[in-house]
């Protein structure tokens, strides 16, 4: 995206980017904090709490992805890349850079 600056972006795209950041952060917390707490230190409640938060953010991400894709006229390839990005650690951060480029 070559428009530059959040002020020039649609509100829907701005919202999507924020949801993407939080979803990506929640996945990293799941992998780097909650899962080690569960499997190395015997605290399964860590995954339960973070898992719920991540699950809600994942759903919000997928809905926002669909809405912004429709608004922006994204191709199926870009939509698929956005979905796959949500499944990979730090993927949403990489996807954000790709749509800004």
C-alpha atoms as a PDB file:
ATOM      1  CA  UNK A   1       0.000   0.000   0.000  1.00  0.00           C
ATOM      2  CA  UNK A   2       1.621   3.201  -1.102  1.00  0.00           C
ATOM      3  CA  UNK A   3      -0.785   5.751   0.405  1.00  0.00           C
ATOM      4  CA  UNK A   4       1.444   6.200   3.460  1.00  0.00           C
ATOM      5  CA  UNK A   5       0.413   7.224   6.940  1.00  0.00           C
ATOM      6  CA  UNK A   6      -2.507   6.000   9.019  1.00  0.00           C
ATOM      7  CA  UNK A   7      -4.397   9.248   8.395  1.00  0.00           C
ATOM      8  CA  UNK A   8      -4.855   8.361   4.726  1.00  0.00           C
ATOM      9  CA  UNK A   9      -6.064   4.805   5.371  1.00  0.00           C
ATOM     10  CA  UNK A  10      -9.660   3.796   5.790  1.00  0.00           C
ATOM     11  CA  UNK A  11     -10.932   3.284   9.307  1.00  0.00           C
ATOM     12  CA  UNK A  12     -11.625  -0.341   8.462  1.00  0.00           C
ATOM     13  CA  UNK A  13      -8.017  -0.903   7.387  1.00  0.00           C
ATOM     14  CA  UNK A  14      -6.725   0.875  10.491  1.00  0.00           C
ATOM     15  CA  UNK A  15      -8.912  -1.327  12.673  1.00  0.00           C
ATOM     16  CA  UNK A  16      -7.765  -4.445  10.851  1.00  0.00           C
ATOM     17  CA  UNK A  17      -4.115  -3.530  11.402  1.00  0.00           C
ATOM     18  CA  UNK A  18      -4.698  -3.097  15.137  1.00  0.00           C
ATOM     19  CA  UNK A  19      -6.570  -6.391  15.397  1.00  0.00           C
ATOM     20  CA  UNK A  20      -3.750  -8.051  13.417  1.00  0.00           C
ATOM     21  CA  UNK A  21      -1.135  -6.694  15.828  1.00  0.00           C
ATOM     22  CA  UNK A  22      -3.005  -7.925  18.892  1.00  0.00           C
ATOM     23  CA  UNK A  23      -3.749 -11.300  17.286  1.00  0.00           C
ATOM     24  CA  UNK A  24      -0.083 -11.718  16.373  1.00  0.00           C
ATOM     25  CA  UNK A  25       1.004 -10.720  19.853  1.00  0.00           C
ATOM     26  CA  UNK A  26      -1.440 -13.163  21.443  1.00  0.00           C
ATOM     27  CA  UNK A  27      -0.065 -16.015  19.308  1.00  0.00           C
ATOM     28  CA  UNK A  28       3.489 -15.158  20.364  1.00  0.00           C
ATOM     29  CA  UNK A  29       2.425 -15.039  24.027  1.00  0.00           C
ATOM     30  CA  UNK A  30       0.757 -18.426  23.557  1.00  0.00           C
ATOM     31  CA  UNK A  31       3.882 -20.007  22.080  1.00  0.00           C
ATOM     32  CA  UNK A  32       6.554 -18.215  24.125  1.00  0.00           C
ATOM     33  CA  UNK A  33       4.884 -17.865  27.526  1.00  0.00           C
ATOM     34  CA  UNK A  34       1.735 -19.929  28.026  1.00  0.00           C
ATOM     35  CA  UNK A  35       2.864 -23.189  26.414  1.00  0.00           C
ATOM     36  CA  UNK A  36       6.206 -23.279  28.282  1.00  0.00           C
ATOM     37  CA  UNK A  37       4.308 -22.560  31.505  1.00  0.00           C
ATOM     38  CA  UNK A  38       2.025 -25.497  30.771  1.00  0.00           C
ATOM     39  CA  UNK A  39       4.525 -28.070  29.547  1.00  0.00           C
ATOM     40  CA  UNK A  40       7.662 -27.121  31.472  1.00  0.00           C
ATOM     41  CA  UNK A  41       6.207 -25.856  34.729  1.00  0.00           C
ATOM     42  CA  UNK A  42       2.859 -27.646  35.009  1.00  0.00           C
ATOM     43  CA  UNK A  43       0.516 -24.657  34.787  1.00  0.00           C
ATOM     44  CA  UNK A  44      -2.206 -25.620  32.281  1.00  0.00           C
ATOM     45  CA  UNK A  45      -4.324 -22.645  33.313  1.00  0.00           C
ATOM     46  CA  UNK A  46      -1.894 -20.360  31.463  1.00  0.00           C
ATOM     47  CA  UNK A  47      -2.855 -21.899  28.121  1.00  0.00           C
ATOM     48  CA  UNK A  48      -6.532 -21.806  29.026  1.00  0.00           C
ATOM     49  CA  UNK A  49      -6.511 -18.072  29.756  1.00  0.00           C
ATOM     50  CA  UNK A  50      -4.291 -17.037  26.860  1.00  0.00           C
ATOM     51  CA  UNK A  51      -6.039 -19.513  24.558  1.00  0.00           C
ATOM     52  CA  UNK A  52      -9.423 -17.871  25.086  1.00  0.00           C
ATOM     53  CA  UNK A  53      -8.008 -14.420  24.422  1.00  0.00           C
ATOM     54  CA  UNK A  54      -6.154 -15.633  21.347  1.00  0.00           C
ATOM     55  CA  UNK A  55      -9.236 -17.450  20.076  1.00  0.00           C
ATOM     56  CA  UNK A  56     -11.378 -14.330  20.291  1.00  0.00           C
ATOM     57  CA  UNK A  57      -8.685 -12.246  18.612  1.00  0.00           C
ATOM     58  CA  UNK A  58      -8.304 -14.874  15.868  1.00  0.00           C
ATOM     59  CA  UNK A  59     -12.035 -14.712  15.129  1.00  0.00           C
ATOM     60  CA  UNK A  60     -11.921 -10.903  15.118  1.00  0.00           C
ATOM     61  CA  UNK A  61      -8.911 -11.048  12.765  1.00  0.00           C
ATOM     62  CA  UNK A  62     -10.641 -13.347  10.272  1.00  0.00           C
ATOM     63  CA  UNK A  63     -13.806 -11.203  10.271  1.00  0.00           C
ATOM     64  CA  UNK A  64     -11.778  -7.996   9.894  1.00  0.00           C
ATOM     65  CA  UNK A  65      -9.699  -9.607   7.131  1.00  0.00           C
ATOM     66  CA  UNK A  66     -12.863 -10.390   5.187  1.00  0.00           C
ATOM     67  CA  UNK A  67     -14.298  -6.907   5.657  1.00  0.00           C
ATOM     68  CA  UNK A  68     -11.140  -5.031   4.711  1.00  0.00           C
ATOM     69  CA  UNK A  69     -10.480  -7.385   1.780  1.00  0.00           C
ATOM     70  CA  UNK A  70     -13.921  -6.590   0.385  1.00  0.00           C
ATOM     71  CA  UNK A  71     -13.464  -2.854   0.940  1.00  0.00           C
ATOM     72  CA  UNK A  72      -9.979  -2.778  -0.584  1.00  0.00           C
ATOM     73  CA  UNK A  73     -10.736  -5.207  -3.426  1.00  0.00           C
ATOM     74  CA  UNK A  74      -8.003  -7.660  -2.425  1.00  0.00           C
ATOM     75  CA  UNK A  75      -7.325 -10.728  -4.541  1.00  0.00           C
ATOM     76  CA  UNK A  76      -7.973 -14.242  -3.236  1.00  0.00           C
ATOM     77  CA  UNK A  77      -4.201 -14.730  -3.070  1.00  0.00           C
ATOM     78  CA  UNK A  78      -3.802 -11.744  -0.740  1.00  0.00           C
ATOM     79  CA  UNK A  79      -6.730 -12.903   1.402  1.00  0.00           C
ATOM     80  CA  UNK A  80      -5.223 -16.406   1.611  1.00  0.00           C
ATOM     81  CA  UNK A  81      -1.848 -14.911   2.556  1.00  0.00           C
ATOM     82  CA  UNK A  82      -3.548 -12.909   5.311  1.00  0.00           C
ATOM     83  CA  UNK A  83      -5.239 -16.024   6.644  1.00  0.00           C
ATOM     84  CA  UNK A  84      -2.040 -18.104   6.579  1.00  0.00           C
ATOM     85  CA  UNK A  85      -0.223 -15.231   8.301  1.00  0.00           C
ATOM     86  CA  UNK A  86      -2.577 -15.576  11.267  1.00  0.00           C
ATOM     87  CA  UNK A  87      -1.432 -19.173  11.754  1.00  0.00           C
ATOM     88  CA  UNK A  88       2.301 -18.426  11.902  1.00  0.00           C
ATOM     89  CA  UNK A  89       4.206 -16.809  14.759  1.00  0.00           C
ATOM     90  CA  UNK A  90       4.847 -13.179  13.746  1.00  0.00           C
ATOM     91  CA  UNK A  91       2.970 -13.825  10.492  1.00  0.00           C
ATOM     92  CA  UNK A  92       0.524 -10.973  10.986  1.00  0.00           C
ATOM     93  CA  UNK A  93       3.424  -8.552  11.427  1.00  0.00           C
ATOM     94  CA  UNK A  94       4.974  -9.718   8.153  1.00  0.00           C
ATOM     95  CA  UNK A  95       1.588  -9.504   6.412  1.00  0.00           C
ATOM     96  CA  UNK A  96       1.147  -5.934   7.633  1.00  0.00           C
ATOM     97  CA  UNK A  97       4.472  -4.984   6.046  1.00  0.00           C
ATOM     98  CA  UNK A  98       3.467  -6.657   2.780  1.00  0.00           C
ATOM     99  CA  UNK A  99       0.204  -4.735   2.494  1.00  0.00           C
ATOM    100  CA  UNK A 100       1.958  -1.481   3.297  1.00  0.00           C
ATOM    101  CA  UNK A 101       4.636  -2.076   0.638  1.00  0.00           C
END
